[in-house]
Amino acid sequence: MRCTSSIWNSPVANPERIVACPNCGKSTPYSSKNSYRPFCSERCRLIDLGDWASEAHAIPGRELPPGALDDDGKQEY
């Protein structure tokens, strides 16, 4: 028996994945067509970069004890 359902006869569509912009929350496509992904715009991308540069965003970790870095900023062992 041959299946004649349209789902089997039509090409598989690759739906565009939609995500929320990490900065403003606006829905935006997550695809190679969006050069700012996962952000919705260059503005949101730059705001996020500025937050990292000003240390508003940070990855948690333990504090280094005083004197743990040498004069070049490298960790002494």
Protein backbone atom coordinates (compact mmCIF):
# COMPACT_ATOMS: atom_id res chain seq x y z
CA MET A 1 0.00 0.00 0.00
CA ARG A 2 1.38 3.37 -1.01
CA CYS A 3 1.00 6.41 1.24
CA THR A 4 -0.48 9.41 -0.53
CA SER A 5 -0.51 11.76 2.43
CA SER A 6 0.74 15.25 1.63
CA ILE A 7 3.18 15.15 4.57
CA TRP A 8 5.19 12.44 2.79
CA ASN A 9 5.06 14.10 -0.62
CA SER A 10 5.98 17.65 0.36
CA PRO A 11 9.53 18.85 1.00
CA VAL A 12 10.41 19.15 4.66
CA ALA A 13 10.37 22.79 5.68
CA ASN A 14 13.07 23.94 8.08
CA PRO A 15 11.22 26.37 10.34
CA GLU A 16 13.18 29.38 11.54
CA ARG A 17 13.97 29.20 15.24
CA ILE A 18 12.75 32.25 17.18
CA VAL A 19 14.45 33.25 20.44
CA ALA A 20 14.12 36.14 22.88
CA CYS A 21 16.84 38.79 22.64
CA PRO A 22 18.96 38.47 25.82
CA ASN A 23 18.97 42.25 26.21
CA CYS A 24 15.45 43.50 25.45
CA GLY A 25 13.42 40.28 25.20
CA LYS A 26 12.13 40.99 21.68
CA SER A 27 11.49 37.90 19.53
CA THR A 28 14.23 37.50 16.95
CA PRO A 29 15.25 34.79 14.47
CA TYR A 30 18.23 32.65 15.47
CA SER A 31 19.67 31.98 12.04
CA SER A 32 22.69 32.79 9.91
CA LYS A 33 20.62 35.56 8.30
CA ASN A 34 20.65 37.49 11.61
CA SER A 35 24.22 38.79 11.93
CA TYR A 36 23.52 39.96 15.52
CA ARG A 37 22.22 36.62 16.82
CA PRO A 38 21.22 35.93 19.54
CA PHE A 39 20.50 39.68 19.79
CA CYS A 40 17.85 41.47 17.78
CA SER A 41 20.05 44.40 16.73
CA GLU A 42 23.50 45.91 16.86
CA ARG A 43 22.29 48.23 19.64
CA CYS A 44 21.35 45.31 21.92
CA ARG A 45 24.63 43.55 21.09
CA LEU A 46 26.65 46.66 22.02
CA ILE A 47 24.70 47.22 25.24
CA ASP A 48 25.52 43.65 26.29
CA LEU A 49 29.20 44.11 25.37
CA GLY A 50 29.28 47.30 27.45
CA ASP A 51 27.78 45.46 30.42
CA TRP A 52 30.59 42.88 30.24
CA ALA A 53 33.24 45.60 29.85
CA SER A 54 31.92 47.54 32.87
CA GLU A 55 31.72 44.27 34.83
CA ALA A 56 27.94 44.55 35.24
CA HIS A 57 27.97 40.93 34.01
CA ALA A 58 30.47 38.55 35.57
CA ILE A 59 31.14 34.85 35.78
CA PRO A 60 31.19 33.82 39.45
CA GLY A 61 34.46 32.61 40.87
CA ARG A 62 36.54 32.85 43.98
CA GLU A 63 38.53 35.96 44.82
CA LEU A 64 42.30 35.77 44.40
CA PRO A 65 44.28 36.51 47.55
CA PRO A 66 46.30 39.73 47.61
CA GLY A 67 49.67 39.28 45.86
CA ALA A 68 48.48 36.28 43.81
CA LEU A 69 49.38 38.07 40.56
CA ASP A 70 52.88 39.10 39.51
CA ASP A 71 53.72 42.51 38.02
CA ASP A 72 52.59 41.36 34.54
CA GLY A 73 49.15 40.35 35.83
CA LYS A 74 49.91 36.63 35.60
CA GLN A 75 49.06 34.28 38.44
CA GLU A 76 52.03 33.19 40.50
CA TYR A 77 52.21 29.50 41.35
